[in-house]
């Protein structure tokens, strides 16, 4: 649905937002949106890197267990 908006649609949305919120409120809304987007990206990045760290810990644990198992066989 959003893919079909195009440039005229975006301009129309901006004009409607300007009429509804007024010119003094739009910069505040833009800053709040930018801050929210930045925090969302940071949280997403932390979650993804957290998954990578968890996978590395699992792999290290498995390798240690395999080494201990091989030591007992020798």
N, C-alpha and C. Protein backbone atom coordinates (compact mmCIF):
# COMPACT_ATOMS: atom_id res chain seq x y z
N UNK A 1 0.83 -1.19 0.00
CA UNK A 1 0.00 0.00 0.00
C UNK A 1 0.88 1.26 0.00
N UNK A 2 1.87 1.31 0.86
CA UNK A 2 2.72 2.49 0.94
C UNK A 2 3.62 2.61 -0.28
N UNK A 3 3.92 1.50 -0.95
CA UNK A 3 4.79 1.54 -2.12
C UNK A 3 4.17 2.34 -3.26
N UNK A 4 2.86 2.48 -3.28
CA UNK A 4 2.17 3.12 -4.39
C UNK A 4 1.90 4.61 -4.16
N UNK A 5 2.44 5.21 -3.11
CA UNK A 5 2.12 6.61 -2.80
C UNK A 5 2.72 7.55 -3.84
N UNK A 6 4.01 7.50 -4.04
CA UNK A 6 4.67 8.37 -5.00
C UNK A 6 4.90 9.77 -4.45
N UNK A 7 5.54 10.61 -5.26
CA UNK A 7 5.90 11.97 -4.83
C UNK A 7 4.66 12.85 -4.60
N UNK A 8 3.67 12.85 -5.50
CA UNK A 8 2.49 13.70 -5.24
C UNK A 8 1.76 13.32 -3.96
N UNK A 9 1.71 12.04 -3.66
CA UNK A 9 1.05 11.58 -2.43
C UNK A 9 1.80 12.03 -1.19
N UNK A 10 3.13 11.98 -1.24
CA UNK A 10 3.94 12.43 -0.11
C UNK A 10 3.76 13.93 0.11
N UNK A 11 3.74 14.69 -0.98
CA UNK A 11 3.54 16.14 -0.86
C UNK A 11 2.17 16.42 -0.25
N UNK A 12 1.16 15.69 -0.68
CA UNK A 12 -0.19 15.88 -0.13
C UNK A 12 -0.21 15.54 1.37
N UNK A 13 0.46 14.47 1.77
CA UNK A 13 0.53 14.11 3.19
C UNK A 13 1.23 15.19 4.00
N UNK A 14 2.32 15.75 3.47
CA UNK A 14 3.03 16.82 4.17
C UNK A 14 2.17 18.07 4.32
N UNK A 15 1.41 18.42 3.28
CA UNK A 15 0.52 19.59 3.36
C UNK A 15 -0.56 19.35 4.40
N UNK A 16 -1.13 18.15 4.42
CA UNK A 16 -2.16 17.84 5.42
C UNK A 16 -1.58 17.90 6.83
N UNK A 17 -0.37 17.36 7.02
CA UNK A 17 0.27 17.42 8.33
C UNK A 17 0.54 18.86 8.74
N UNK A 18 0.95 19.69 7.78
CA UNK A 18 1.21 21.10 8.08
C UNK A 18 -0.07 21.80 8.52
N UNK A 19 -1.18 21.50 7.86
CA UNK A 19 -2.46 22.12 8.23
C UNK A 19 -2.93 21.64 9.60
N UNK A 20 -2.79 20.36 9.86
CA UNK A 20 -3.28 19.80 11.12
C UNK A 20 -2.43 20.24 12.31
N UNK A 21 -1.10 20.11 12.20
CA UNK A 21 -0.23 20.36 13.34
C UNK A 21 0.32 21.78 13.40
N UNK A 22 0.37 22.47 12.29
CA UNK A 22 0.91 23.82 12.27
C UNK A 22 2.42 23.80 12.09
N UNK A 23 2.96 24.91 11.61
CA UNK A 23 4.39 24.95 11.29
C UNK A 23 5.30 24.89 12.53
N UNK A 24 4.82 25.30 13.69
CA UNK A 24 5.68 25.29 14.88
C UNK A 24 5.80 23.88 15.48
N UNK A 25 4.83 23.04 15.25
CA UNK A 25 4.82 21.71 15.87
C UNK A 25 5.54 20.66 15.00
N UNK A 26 5.64 20.89 13.69
CA UNK A 26 6.25 19.90 12.81
C UNK A 26 7.71 19.59 13.13
N UNK A 27 8.58 20.57 13.44
CA UNK A 27 9.96 20.21 13.80
C UNK A 27 10.04 19.32 15.04
N UNK A 28 9.19 19.57 16.02
CA UNK A 28 9.16 18.72 17.22
C UNK A 28 8.77 17.29 16.87
N UNK A 29 7.77 17.16 16.02
CA UNK A 29 7.31 15.83 15.60
C UNK A 29 8.42 15.12 14.83
N UNK A 30 9.10 15.85 13.96
CA UNK A 30 10.20 15.27 13.19
C UNK A 30 11.34 14.81 14.08
N UNK A 31 11.70 15.62 15.07
CA UNK A 31 12.76 15.23 16.01
C UNK A 31 12.36 14.00 16.80
N UNK A 32 11.12 13.98 17.28
CA UNK A 32 10.65 12.83 18.06
C UNK A 32 10.65 11.57 17.20
N UNK A 33 10.24 11.69 15.95
CA UNK A 33 10.24 10.55 15.05
C UNK A 33 11.66 10.06 14.79
N UNK A 34 12.57 11.00 14.57
CA UNK A 34 13.98 10.65 14.34
C UNK A 34 14.59 9.96 15.54
N UNK A 35 14.32 10.47 16.73
CA UNK A 35 14.84 9.86 17.96
C UNK A 35 14.28 8.45 18.14
N UNK A 36 13.00 8.29 17.90
CA UNK A 36 12.37 6.99 18.02
C UNK A 36 12.97 6.01 17.02
N UNK A 37 13.18 6.45 15.80
CA UNK A 37 13.76 5.58 14.78
C UNK A 37 15.18 5.19 15.14
N UNK A 38 15.97 6.13 15.69
CA UNK A 38 17.34 5.85 16.08
C UNK A 38 17.37 4.82 17.21
N UNK A 39 16.49 4.97 18.21
CA UNK A 39 16.44 4.02 19.31
C UNK A 39 16.00 2.64 18.83
N UNK A 40 15.05 2.62 17.89
CA UNK A 40 14.58 1.35 17.34
C UNK A 40 15.72 0.63 16.61
N UNK A 41 16.48 1.36 15.81
CA UNK A 41 17.61 0.75 15.09
C UNK A 41 18.66 0.23 16.07
N UNK A 42 18.93 1.00 17.12
CA UNK A 42 19.91 0.58 18.12
C UNK A 42 19.45 -0.69 18.83
N UNK A 43 18.18 -0.73 19.21
CA UNK A 43 17.64 -1.91 19.89
C UNK A 43 17.68 -3.13 18.99
N UNK A 44 17.33 -2.93 17.72
CA UNK A 44 17.36 -4.04 16.77
C UNK A 44 18.78 -4.54 16.59
N UNK A 45 19.73 -3.62 16.50
CA UNK A 45 21.14 -4.01 16.34
C UNK A 45 21.61 -4.77 17.58
N UNK A 46 21.22 -4.31 18.77
CA UNK A 46 21.60 -4.99 20.01
C UNK A 46 21.01 -6.40 20.06
N UNK A 47 19.76 -6.55 19.62
CA UNK A 47 19.13 -7.87 19.62
C UNK A 47 19.84 -8.81 18.67
N UNK A 48 20.17 -8.32 17.49
CA UNK A 48 20.84 -9.16 16.50
C UNK A 48 22.23 -9.54 16.98
N UNK A 49 22.98 -8.58 17.53
CA UNK A 49 24.31 -8.89 18.02
C UNK A 49 24.22 -9.79 19.26
N UNK A 50 23.18 -9.65 20.04
CA UNK A 50 22.97 -10.52 21.19
C UNK A 50 22.75 -11.96 20.75
N UNK A 51 22.03 -12.16 19.65
CA UNK A 51 21.83 -13.50 19.11
C UNK A 51 23.16 -14.08 18.64
N UNK A 52 23.99 -13.25 18.01
CA UNK A 52 25.29 -13.72 17.55
C UNK A 52 26.16 -14.13 18.73
N UNK A 53 26.13 -13.34 19.80
CA UNK A 53 26.92 -13.66 20.99
C UNK A 53 26.43 -14.95 21.63
N UNK A 54 25.12 -15.15 21.65
CA UNK A 54 24.56 -16.37 22.23
C UNK A 54 24.98 -17.58 21.39
N UNK A 55 24.97 -17.44 20.07
CA UNK A 55 25.40 -18.53 19.20
C UNK A 55 26.87 -18.86 19.42
N UNK A 56 27.70 -17.82 19.60
CA UNK A 56 29.12 -18.05 19.84
C UNK A 56 29.32 -18.77 21.17
N UNK A 57 28.56 -18.40 22.21
CA UNK A 57 28.68 -19.06 23.51
C UNK A 57 28.28 -20.52 23.40
N UNK A 58 27.21 -20.80 22.66
CA UNK A 58 26.77 -22.18 22.48
C UNK A 58 27.86 -22.98 21.76
N UNK A 59 28.42 -22.38 20.71
CA UNK A 59 29.46 -23.07 19.96
C UNK A 59 30.67 -23.35 20.84
N UNK A 60 31.09 -22.37 21.64
CA UNK A 60 32.23 -22.56 22.54
C UNK A 60 31.95 -23.65 23.56
N UNK A 61 30.73 -23.68 24.09
CA UNK A 61 30.36 -24.70 25.06
C UNK A 61 30.40 -26.08 24.42
N UNK A 62 29.89 -26.19 23.20
CA UNK A 62 29.92 -27.48 22.51
C UNK A 62 31.35 -27.93 22.24
N UNK A 63 32.20 -27.00 21.82
CA UNK A 63 33.60 -27.35 21.56
C UNK A 63 34.29 -27.82 22.83
N UNK A 64 34.04 -27.13 23.94
CA UNK A 64 34.64 -27.55 25.22
C UNK A 64 34.15 -28.93 25.62
N UNK A 65 32.86 -29.20 25.43
CA UNK A 65 32.31 -30.50 25.78
C UNK A 65 32.91 -31.59 24.91
N UNK A 66 33.10 -31.30 23.62
CA UNK A 66 33.72 -32.29 22.73
C UNK A 66 35.16 -32.57 23.14
N UNK A 67 35.90 -31.52 23.52
CA UNK A 67 37.29 -31.71 23.95
C UNK A 67 37.35 -32.56 25.20
N UNK A 68 36.45 -32.30 26.15
CA UNK A 68 36.44 -33.10 27.38
C UNK A 68 36.09 -34.55 27.08
N UNK A 69 35.16 -34.74 26.16
CA UNK A 69 34.78 -36.10 25.78
C UNK A 69 35.92 -36.81 25.11
N UNK A 70 36.68 -36.13 24.28
CA UNK A 70 37.82 -36.75 23.60
C UNK A 70 38.95 -37.03 24.59
N UNK A 71 39.13 -36.24 25.61
CA UNK A 71 40.18 -36.45 26.60
C UNK A 71 39.93 -37.73 27.39
N UNK A 72 38.66 -38.01 27.67
CA UNK A 72 38.33 -39.20 28.43
C UNK A 72 38.54 -40.46 27.60
N UNK A 73 38.41 -40.37 26.30
CA UNK A 73 38.58 -41.53 25.42
C UNK A 73 40.05 -41.89 25.28
N UNK A 74 40.94 -40.94 25.39
CA UNK A 74 42.36 -41.17 25.20
C UNK A 74 42.93 -41.81 26.39
